[in-house]
Amino acid sequence: MTRRLRDHGRAVAVAAAMTLIVGSAPALAEDATDTFGTSSADDEWSFGLAPYVWTAGISGNVAAFGAPTANIDVSPVDVLEDLDMAFMGVGVAQHGRWGLFMDIVYSDVSTDSKNTPGPLFGSASVTAETFFVTPMLEYQAIDNGWSELYPMAGVRVWYSKTELSLTSGLLNGRTFSDDATWVDPTIGLRGRIKLDRNIWLTGWGIVGGFDVDHDQFMWDVFGGVTYGFNDWASAVVGYRATGTDYSDGGYVYDITMQGPVIGAVFRF
């Protein structure tokens, strides 16, 4: 797949997700008394915490300084075998209509590269360590008892470490390792729509990067279904995909992470 086609696909995915979220925002009814939980528009603090498991496959191109570019292609099915460590979680704090959204993701994946480095080396293996945190200020633009919409703006802070090991070919085997940290400005929408007293469709769409800090384009989309057991605990299942296109000198981190999500939501 060419770079242009990948960029077009990313743009289409983000646009579709944002259209879905915005389309869910118009009022279905005005019966706010039947709302699950309490409205964040009340003049008091409310908090939400959502630890989750994201079985995210990873694909794309990576390169450490001085090393040839290697391709990663780990499916969501294979990631449990190749994943060395991971943790994820979302937190939200709201006061009135204003709130702070925070998403944290860490993963450490080791896999064989799908492309060989040619006759100079025999084969390649890649360890890709990824950490990003996304704090975003949000405003509750719509809350009518059946739908909610939150425009958001903030940053995503990335840390990436890549280790590329090459076995012997015409040249002796070598190992390259390097890391990079960068910050992407971000904007997005988060929302949900009520299907039943205890069931909600929920999702977000975020874009950023804009080549401000060597990242041409960053995107993140999520869609899922939440089931509320009571007024403080829920379960969520869905699908998430995110990507970045970072390149600075010889360091390349042009990857997409995507896969199913399952988690719990606690409100207090």
C-alpha atoms as a PDB file:
ATOM      1  CA  MET A   1       0.000   0.000   0.000  1.00  0.00           C
ATOM      2  CA  THR A   2       1.392   3.374  -0.924  1.00  0.00           C
ATOM      3  CA  ARG A   3       1.883   6.203   1.541  1.00  0.00           C
ATOM      4  CA  ARG A   4      -0.843   8.241  -0.186  1.00  0.00           C
ATOM      5  CA  LEU A   5      -3.372   5.427   0.160  1.00  0.00           C
ATOM      6  CA  ARG A   6      -2.487   4.959   3.847  1.00  0.00           C
ATOM      7  CA  ASP A   7      -2.940   8.678   4.526  1.00  0.00           C
ATOM      8  CA  HIS A   8      -6.265   8.688   2.656  1.00  0.00           C
ATOM      9  CA  GLY A   9      -7.475   5.693   4.652  1.00  0.00           C
ATOM     10  CA  ARG A  10      -6.562   7.384   7.936  1.00  0.00           C
ATOM     11  CA  ALA A  11      -8.410  10.557   6.963  1.00  0.00           C
ATOM     12  CA  VAL A  12     -11.508   8.596   5.944  1.00  0.00           C
ATOM     13  CA  ALA A  13     -11.520   6.626   9.239  1.00  0.00           C
ATOM     14  CA  VAL A  14     -11.255   9.773  11.340  1.00  0.00           C
ATOM     15  CA  ALA A  15     -13.915  11.594   9.327  1.00  0.00           C
ATOM     16  CA  ALA A  16     -16.288   8.643   9.617  1.00  0.00           C
ATOM     17  CA  ALA A  17     -15.820   8.395  13.372  1.00  0.00           C
ATOM     18  CA  MET A  18     -16.373  12.112  13.911  1.00  0.00           C
ATOM     19  CA  THR A  19     -19.465  12.023  11.699  1.00  0.00           C
ATOM     20  CA  LEU A  20     -20.854   9.148  13.781  1.00  0.00           C
ATOM     21  CA  ILE A  21     -20.248  10.995  17.046  1.00  0.00           C
ATOM     22  CA  VAL A  22     -21.681  14.284  15.805  1.00  0.00           C
ATOM     23  CA  GLY A  23     -24.651  12.474  14.300  1.00  0.00           C
ATOM     24  CA  SER A  24     -25.438  10.887  17.654  1.00  0.00           C
ATOM     25  CA  ALA A  25     -25.600  14.230  19.395  1.00  0.00           C
ATOM     26  CA  PRO A  26     -29.053  15.594  18.403  1.00  0.00           C
ATOM     27  CA  ALA A  27     -31.769  15.070  20.987  1.00  0.00           C
ATOM     28  CA  LEU A  28     -33.812  11.894  20.910  1.00  0.00           C
ATOM     29  CA  ALA A  29     -35.909  13.038  23.861  1.00  0.00           C
ATOM     30  CA  GLU A  30     -35.855  15.564  26.682  1.00  0.00           C
ATOM     31  CA  ASP A  31     -36.526  13.161  29.531  1.00  0.00           C
ATOM     32  CA  ALA A  32     -33.470  13.987  31.626  1.00  0.00           C
ATOM     33  CA  THR A  33     -34.969  12.284  34.679  1.00  0.00           C
ATOM     34  CA  ASP A  34     -34.374   8.902  33.043  1.00  0.00           C
ATOM     35  CA  THR A  35     -30.671   9.496  32.471  1.00  0.00           C
ATOM     36  CA  PHE A  36     -28.255   6.785  33.605  1.00  0.00           C
ATOM     37  CA  GLY A  37     -25.995   8.314  36.243  1.00  0.00           C
ATOM     38  CA  THR A  38     -25.814  12.013  37.009  1.00  0.00           C
ATOM     39  CA  SER A  39     -25.341  14.865  34.594  1.00  0.00           C
ATOM     40  CA  SER A  40     -21.882  16.422  34.511  1.00  0.00           C
ATOM     41  CA  ALA A  41     -23.588  19.787  33.988  1.00  0.00           C
ATOM     42  CA  ASP A  42     -24.338  19.906  37.728  1.00  0.00           C
ATOM     43  CA  ASP A  43     -22.198  22.447  39.558  1.00  0.00           C
ATOM     44  CA  GLU A  44     -20.111  19.837  41.377  1.00  0.00           C
ATOM     45  CA  TRP A  45     -17.094  17.668  40.706  1.00  0.00           C
ATOM     46  CA  SER A  46     -17.581  14.220  39.180  1.00  0.00           C
ATOM     47  CA  PHE A  47     -14.969  11.657  38.214  1.00  0.00           C
ATOM     48  CA  GLY A  48     -14.726   8.637  35.967  1.00  0.00           C
ATOM     49  CA  LEU A  49     -12.041   5.957  35.738  1.00  0.00           C
ATOM     50  CA  ALA A  50     -11.887   3.297  33.016  1.00  0.00           C
ATOM     51  CA  PRO A  51      -9.109   0.686  33.089  1.00  0.00           C
ATOM     52  CA  TYR A  52      -9.221  -1.362  29.901  1.00  0.00           C
ATOM     53  CA  VAL A  53      -7.489  -4.055  27.885  1.00  0.00           C
ATOM     54  CA  TRP A  54      -6.699  -3.125  24.289  1.00  0.00           C
ATOM     55  CA  THR A  55      -5.544  -6.094  22.210  1.00  0.00           C
ATOM     56  CA  ALA A  56      -3.899  -3.817  19.672  1.00  0.00           C
ATOM     57  CA  GLY A  57      -2.083  -5.216  16.691  1.00  0.00           C
ATOM     58  CA  ILE A  58       0.686  -3.007  15.352  1.00  0.00           C
ATOM     59  CA  SER A  59       1.759  -2.448  11.755  1.00  0.00           C
ATOM     60  CA  GLY A  60       3.972   0.021   9.919  1.00  0.00           C
ATOM     61  CA  ASN A  61       7.596   1.027   9.520  1.00  0.00           C
ATOM     62  CA  VAL A  62      10.221   1.756  12.171  1.00  0.00           C
ATOM     63  CA  ALA A  63      13.903   2.662  12.043  1.00  0.00           C
ATOM     64  CA  ALA A  64      16.540   3.509  14.621  1.00  0.00           C
ATOM     65  CA  PHE A  65      19.245   6.058  13.820  1.00  0.00           C
ATOM     66  CA  GLY A  66      21.730   4.480  11.422  1.00  0.00           C
ATOM     67  CA  ALA A  67      19.676   1.326  10.808  1.00  0.00           C
ATOM     68  CA  PRO A  68      17.620   0.322   7.758  1.00  0.00           C
ATOM     69  CA  THR A  69      13.855   0.691   7.950  1.00  0.00           C
ATOM     70  CA  ALA A  70      12.061  -2.425   9.163  1.00  0.00           C
ATOM     71  CA  ASN A  71       8.418  -3.378   8.780  1.00  0.00           C
ATOM     72  CA  ILE A  72       6.224  -4.487  11.712  1.00  0.00           C
ATOM     73  CA  ASP A  73       3.024  -6.441  11.148  1.00  0.00           C
ATOM     74  CA  VAL A  74       1.538  -7.995  14.287  1.00  0.00           C
ATOM     75  CA  SER A  75      -2.178  -8.800  14.120  1.00  0.00           C
ATOM     76  CA  PRO A  76      -4.521  -8.412  17.110  1.00  0.00           C
ATOM     77  CA  VAL A  77      -4.637 -12.227  17.268  1.00  0.00           C
ATOM     78  CA  ASP A  78      -0.833 -12.540  17.437  1.00  0.00           C
ATOM     79  CA  VAL A  79      -0.238  -9.623  19.787  1.00  0.00           C
ATOM     80  CA  LEU A  80      -0.865 -11.690  22.929  1.00  0.00           C
ATOM     81  CA  GLU A  81       2.096 -13.877  21.957  1.00  0.00           C
ATOM     82  CA  ASP A  82       4.386 -10.976  20.996  1.00  0.00           C
ATOM     83  CA  LEU A  83       3.323  -8.548  23.737  1.00  0.00           C
ATOM     84  CA  ASP A  84       5.865  -8.220  26.527  1.00  0.00           C
ATOM     85  CA  MET A  85       3.975  -5.715  28.702  1.00  0.00           C
ATOM     86  CA  ALA A  86       1.048  -3.298  28.468  1.00  0.00           C
ATOM     87  CA  PHE A  87      -1.268  -1.094  30.508  1.00  0.00           C
ATOM     88  CA  MET A  88      -4.065   1.297  29.530  1.00  0.00           C
ATOM     89  CA  GLY A  89      -6.599   3.553  31.223  1.00  0.00           C
ATOM     90  CA  VAL A  90      -8.858   6.569  30.768  1.00  0.00           C
ATOM     91  CA  GLY A  91      -9.762   9.121  33.429  1.00  0.00           C
ATOM     92  CA  VAL A  92     -12.230  12.023  33.324  1.00  0.00           C
ATOM     93  CA  ALA A  93     -12.733  14.820  35.869  1.00  0.00           C
ATOM     94  CA  GLN A  94     -15.638  17.248  35.338  1.00  0.00           C
ATOM     95  CA  HIS A  95     -16.891  20.370  37.068  1.00  0.00           C
ATOM     96  CA  GLY A  96     -19.979  21.903  35.583  1.00  0.00           C
ATOM     97  CA  ARG A  97     -19.680  21.652  31.807  1.00  0.00           C
ATOM     98  CA  TRP A  98     -15.872  21.723  31.813  1.00  0.00           C
ATOM     99  CA  GLY A  99     -13.727  18.648  32.198  1.00  0.00           C
ATOM    100  CA  LEU A 100     -10.312  17.072  31.758  1.00  0.00           C
ATOM    101  CA  PHE A 101      -9.992  13.902  29.681  1.00  0.00           C
ATOM    102  CA  MET A 102      -6.857  11.768  30.124  1.00  0.00           C
ATOM    103  CA  ASP A 103      -5.870   8.620  28.210  1.00  0.00           C
ATOM    104  CA  ILE A 104      -2.711   6.604  28.978  1.00  0.00           C
ATOM    105  CA  VAL A 105      -1.345   3.725  26.872  1.00  0.00           C
ATOM    106  CA  TYR A 106       1.870   1.713  27.218  1.00  0.00           C
ATOM    107  CA  SER A 107       2.859  -1.319  25.133  1.00  0.00           C
ATOM    108  CA  ASP A 108       6.054  -3.274  24.518  1.00  0.00           C
ATOM    109  CA  VAL A 109       5.978  -5.599  21.501  1.00  0.00           C
ATOM    110  CA  SER A 110       8.752  -7.887  20.163  1.00  0.00           C
ATOM    111  CA  THR A 111       8.410  -9.474  16.727  1.00  0.00           C
ATOM    112  CA  ASP A 112      10.255 -10.529  13.597  1.00  0.00           C
ATOM    113  CA  SER A 113      10.301  -7.987  10.771  1.00  0.00           C
ATOM    114  CA  LYS A 114       8.282  -8.927   7.689  1.00  0.00           C
ATOM    115  CA  ASN A 115      10.898  -7.501   5.322  1.00  0.00           C
ATOM    116  CA  THR A 116      14.510  -8.674   5.292  1.00  0.00           C
ATOM    117  CA  PRO A 117      17.344  -6.154   5.135  1.00  0.00           C
ATOM    118  CA  GLY A 118      18.788  -7.687   1.957  1.00  0.00           C
ATOM    119  CA  PRO A 119      22.023  -9.649   1.403  1.00  0.00           C
ATOM    120  CA  LEU A 120      24.042  -7.586   3.893  1.00  0.00           C
ATOM    121  CA  PHE A 121      22.119  -9.135   6.804  1.00  0.00           C
ATOM    122  CA  GLY A 122      20.132 -12.334   7.226  1.00  0.00           C
ATOM    123  CA  SER A 123      16.957 -11.428   9.131  1.00  0.00           C
ATOM    124  CA  ALA A 124      15.596  -8.724  11.415  1.00  0.00           C
ATOM    125  CA  SER A 125      13.736  -8.677  14.728  1.00  0.00           C
ATOM    126  CA  VAL A 126      12.143  -5.570  16.217  1.00  0.00           C
ATOM    127  CA  THR A 127      11.251  -4.515  19.741  1.00  0.00           C
ATOM    128  CA  ALA A 128       8.921  -1.507  19.747  1.00  0.00           C
ATOM    129  CA  GLU A 129       8.168   0.197  23.057  1.00  0.00           C
ATOM    130  CA  THR A 130       5.375   2.776  22.895  1.00  0.00           C
ATOM    131  CA  PHE A 131       3.998   5.113  25.541  1.00  0.00           C
ATOM    132  CA  PHE A 132       1.599   7.985  25.029  1.00  0.00           C
ATOM    133  CA  VAL A 133      -0.522  10.142  27.314  1.00  0.00           C
ATOM    134  CA  THR A 134      -3.298  12.391  26.000  1.00  0.00           C
ATOM    135  CA  PRO A 135      -4.571  15.144  28.334  1.00  0.00           C
ATOM    136  CA  MET A 136      -7.393  17.146  26.734  1.00  0.00           C
ATOM    137  CA  LEU A 137      -9.642  19.915  28.008  1.00  0.00           C
ATOM    138  CA  GLU A 138     -13.268  19.264  27.108  1.00  0.00           C
ATOM    139  CA  TYR A 139     -16.586  21.132  27.191  1.00  0.00           C
ATOM    140  CA  GLN A 140     -20.015  19.522  27.440  1.00  0.00           C
ATOM    141  CA  ALA A 141     -21.747  21.147  24.481  1.00  0.00           C
ATOM    142  CA  ILE A 142     -24.809  18.845  24.557  1.00  0.00           C
ATOM    143  CA  ASP A 143     -26.484  16.924  27.409  1.00  0.00           C
ATOM    144  CA  ASN A 144     -30.198  16.317  26.931  1.00  0.00           C
ATOM    145  CA  GLY A 145     -30.640  13.037  28.764  1.00  0.00           C
ATOM    146  CA  TRP A 146     -30.226  10.893  25.668  1.00  0.00           C
ATOM    147  CA  SER A 147     -27.059  12.181  24.054  1.00  0.00           C
ATOM    148  CA  GLU A 148     -23.866  13.952  25.073  1.00  0.00           C
ATOM    149  CA  LEU A 149     -21.167  15.696  23.032  1.00  0.00           C
ATOM    150  CA  TYR A 150     -17.776  16.996  24.200  1.00  0.00           C
ATOM    151  CA  PRO A 151     -15.457  18.995  21.920  1.00  0.00           C
ATOM    152  CA  MET A 152     -11.874  18.529  23.132  1.00  0.00           C
ATOM    153  CA  ALA A 153      -8.455  20.140  22.666  1.00  0.00           C
ATOM    154  CA  GLY A 154      -5.078  19.283  24.148  1.00  0.00           C
ATOM    155  CA  VAL A 155      -1.873  17.405  23.387  1.00  0.00           C
ATOM    156  CA  ARG A 156      -0.560  13.883  23.021  1.00  0.00           C
ATOM    157  CA  VAL A 157       2.912  13.220  24.439  1.00  0.00           C
ATOM    158  CA  TRP A 158       4.665  10.273  22.789  1.00  0.00           C
ATOM    159  CA  TYR A 159       7.666   8.203  23.821  1.00  0.00           C
ATOM    160  CA  SER A 160       8.956   5.555  21.431  1.00  0.00           C
ATOM    161  CA  LYS A 161      11.940   3.243  21.748  1.00  0.00           C
ATOM    162  CA  THR A 162      12.953   0.938  18.906  1.00  0.00           C
ATOM    163  CA  GLU A 163      15.525  -1.852  19.011  1.00  0.00           C
ATOM    164  CA  LEU A 164      16.407  -3.491  15.685  1.00  0.00           C
ATOM    165  CA  SER A 165      18.513  -6.675  15.716  1.00  0.00           C
ATOM    166  CA  LEU A 166      20.032  -7.931  12.448  1.00  0.00           C
ATOM    167  CA  THR A 167      21.515 -11.406  12.035  1.00  0.00           C
ATOM    168  CA  SER A 168      24.673 -12.032  10.010  1.00  0.00           C
ATOM    169  CA  GLY A 169      24.658 -12.010   6.227  1.00  0.00           C
ATOM    170  CA  LEU A 170      27.482 -10.592   4.139  1.00  0.00           C
ATOM    171  CA  LEU A 171      28.139  -8.410   7.203  1.00  0.00           C
ATOM    172  CA  ASN A 172      28.258  -9.388  10.852  1.00  0.00           C
ATOM    173  CA  GLY A 173      25.032  -9.078  12.833  1.00  0.00           C
ATOM    174  CA  ARG A 174      24.339  -5.807  14.591  1.00  0.00           C
ATOM    175  CA  THR A 175      21.828  -4.317  17.020  1.00  0.00           C
ATOM    176  CA  PHE A 176      20.555  -0.748  16.739  1.00  0.00           C
ATOM    177  CA  SER A 177      18.619   0.994  19.506  1.00  0.00           C
ATOM    178  CA  ASP A 178      17.298   4.523  19.888  1.00  0.00           C
ATOM    179  CA  ASP A 179      14.322   6.449  21.217  1.00  0.00           C
ATOM    180  CA  ALA A 180      12.425   9.670  20.678  1.00  0.00           C
ATOM    181  CA  THR A 181       9.921  11.877  22.503  1.00  0.00           C
ATOM    182  CA  TRP A 182       7.559  14.287  20.788  1.00  0.00           C
ATOM    183  CA  VAL A 183       4.386  16.279  21.456  1.00  0.00           C
ATOM    184  CA  ASP A 184       1.364  16.497  19.141  1.00  0.00           C
ATOM    185  CA  PRO A 185      -1.312  19.199  19.455  1.00  0.00           C
ATOM    186  CA  THR A 186      -4.717  17.491  19.336  1.00  0.00           C
ATOM    187  CA  ILE A 187      -8.387  18.309  18.758  1.00  0.00           C
ATOM    188  CA  GLY A 188     -11.347  15.964  18.857  1.00  0.00           C
ATOM    189  CA  LEU A 189     -14.877  15.028  19.803  1.00  0.00           C
ATOM    190  CA  ARG A 190     -16.147  12.593  22.409  1.00  0.00           C
ATOM    191  CA  GLY A 191     -19.779  11.575  22.733  1.00  0.00           C
ATOM    192  CA  ARG A 192     -22.376   8.963  23.532  1.00  0.00           C
ATOM    193  CA  ILE A 193     -25.990   8.181  22.683  1.00  0.00           C
ATOM    194  CA  LYS A 194     -28.510   6.264  24.773  1.00  0.00           C
ATOM    195  CA  LEU A 195     -30.125   3.115  23.359  1.00  0.00           C
ATOM    196  CA  ASP A 196     -31.802   1.883  26.538  1.00  0.00           C
ATOM    197  CA  ARG A 197     -31.803   2.774  30.224  1.00  0.00           C
ATOM    198  CA  ASN A 198     -28.542   0.889  30.764  1.00  0.00           C
ATOM    199  CA  ILE A 199     -27.049   0.755  27.237  1.00  0.00           C
ATOM    200  CA  TRP A 200     -25.086   3.508  25.457  1.00  0.00           C
ATOM    201  CA  LEU A 201     -23.164   3.813  22.218  1.00  0.00           C
ATOM    202  CA  THR A 202     -19.946   5.692  22.927  1.00  0.00           C
ATOM    203  CA  GLY A 203     -16.936   6.870  20.962  1.00  0.00           C
ATOM    204  CA  TRP A 204     -14.349   9.499  20.155  1.00  0.00           C
ATOM    205  CA  GLY A 205     -12.386  10.860  17.227  1.00  0.00           C
ATOM    206  CA  ILE A 206      -9.083  12.709  17.689  1.00  0.00           C
ATOM    207  CA  VAL A 207      -6.639  14.177  15.177  1.00  0.00           C
ATOM    208  CA  GLY A 208      -3.345  15.949  15.708  1.00  0.00           C
ATOM    209  CA  GLY A 209       0.303  16.226  14.870  1.00  0.00           C
ATOM    210  CA  PHE A 210       0.036  18.633  11.920  1.00  0.00           C
ATOM    211  CA  ASP A 211       3.837  18.360  11.486  1.00  0.00           C
ATOM    212  CA  VAL A 212       4.412  20.596  14.525  1.00  0.00           C
ATOM    213  CA  ASP A 213       7.008  18.278  16.115  1.00  0.00           C
ATOM    214  CA  HIS A 214       8.096  15.995  13.229  1.00  0.00           C
ATOM    215  CA  ASP A 215       4.770  14.101  13.275  1.00  0.00           C
ATOM    216  CA  GLN A 216       2.923  14.716  10.018  1.00  0.00           C
ATOM    217  CA  PHE A 217      -0.426  13.369  11.165  1.00  0.00           C
ATOM    218  CA  MET A 218      -1.778  11.593  14.253  1.00  0.00           C
ATOM    219  CA  TRP A 219      -5.264  10.098  14.517  1.00  0.00           C
ATOM    220  CA  ASP A 220      -7.263   8.095  17.051  1.00  0.00           C
ATOM    221  CA  VAL A 221     -10.785   6.656  16.779  1.00  0.00           C
ATOM    222  CA  PHE A 222     -12.809   4.533  19.189  1.00  0.00           C
ATOM    223  CA  GLY A 223     -16.336   3.135  19.084  1.00  0.00           C
ATOM    224  CA  GLY A 224     -18.047   0.880  21.592  1.00  0.00           C
ATOM    225  CA  VAL A 225     -21.070  -0.150  23.640  1.00  0.00           C
ATOM    226  CA  THR A 226     -21.378   0.533  27.366  1.00  0.00           C
ATOM    227  CA  TYR A 227     -23.675  -1.411  29.708  1.00  0.00           C
ATOM    228  CA  GLY A 228     -24.430   0.111  33.117  1.00  0.00           C
ATOM    229  CA  PHE A 229     -24.900  -2.275  36.025  1.00  0.00           C
ATOM    230  CA  ASN A 230     -25.784   0.526  38.437  1.00  0.00           C
ATOM    231  CA  ASP A 231     -25.157   4.248  38.853  1.00  0.00           C
ATOM    232  CA  TRP A 232     -21.406   3.829  39.426  1.00  0.00           C
ATOM    233  CA  ALA A 233     -20.174   0.744  37.486  1.00  0.00           C
ATOM    234  CA  SER A 234     -20.349  -0.156  33.791  1.00  0.00           C
ATOM    235  CA  ALA A 235     -18.691  -2.479  31.294  1.00  0.00           C
ATOM    236  CA  VAL A 236     -17.553  -1.423  27.827  1.00  0.00           C
ATOM    237  CA  VAL A 237     -16.579  -3.347  24.682  1.00  0.00           C
ATOM    238  CA  GLY A 238     -15.489  -1.806  21.405  1.00  0.00           C
ATOM    239  CA  TYR A 239     -12.761  -1.275  18.820  1.00  0.00           C
ATOM    240  CA  ARG A 240      -9.959   1.281  18.730  1.00  0.00           C
ATOM    241  CA  ALA A 241      -7.385   2.354  16.153  1.00  0.00           C
ATOM    242  CA  THR A 242      -4.656   4.989  16.352  1.00  0.00           C
ATOM    243  CA  GLY A 243      -1.714   5.952  14.196  1.00  0.00           C
ATOM    244  CA  THR A 244       1.254   8.291  13.986  1.00  0.00           C
ATOM    245  CA  ASP A 245       3.691   9.275  11.248  1.00  0.00           C
ATOM    246  CA  TYR A 246       6.817  10.488  13.052  1.00  0.00           C
ATOM    247  CA  SER A 247      10.146  10.959  11.322  1.00  0.00           C
ATOM    248  CA  ASP A 248      13.126  12.937  12.601  1.00  0.00           C
ATOM    249  CA  GLY A 249      16.448  12.414  10.883  1.00  0.00           C
ATOM    250  CA  GLY A 250      17.102   8.682  10.898  1.00  0.00           C
ATOM    251  CA  TYR A 251      14.442   7.828  13.463  1.00  0.00           C
ATOM    252  CA  VAL A 252      11.159   6.638  11.918  1.00  0.00           C
ATOM    253  CA  TYR A 253       7.986   5.607  13.746  1.00  0.00           C
ATOM    254  CA  ASP A 254       5.178   5.334  11.184  1.00  0.00           C
ATOM    255  CA  ILE A 255       2.764   2.865  12.741  1.00  0.00           C
ATOM    256  CA  THR A 256      -0.899   1.976  13.230  1.00  0.00           C
ATOM    257  CA  MET A 257      -2.249   0.243  16.347  1.00  0.00           C
ATOM    258  CA  GLN A 258      -5.733  -1.286  16.211  1.00  0.00           C
ATOM    259  CA  GLY A 259      -7.808  -3.969  17.878  1.00  0.00           C
ATOM    260  CA  PRO A 260     -10.705  -4.798  20.229  1.00  0.00           C
ATOM    261  CA  VAL A 261     -11.163  -3.136  23.614  1.00  0.00           C
ATOM    262  CA  ILE A 262     -12.808  -4.436  26.787  1.00  0.00           C
ATOM    263  CA  GLY A 263     -12.889  -2.558  30.055  1.00  0.00           C
ATOM    264  CA  ALA A 264     -14.752  -1.306  33.092  1.00  0.00           C
ATOM    265  CA  VAL A 265     -16.042   2.195  33.877  1.00  0.00           C
ATOM    266  CA  PHE A 266     -16.370   3.531  37.416  1.00  0.00           C
ATOM    267  CA  ARG A 267     -18.058   6.852  38.302  1.00  0.00           C
ATOM    268  CA  PHE A 268     -17.805   8.644  41.625  1.00  0.00           C
END
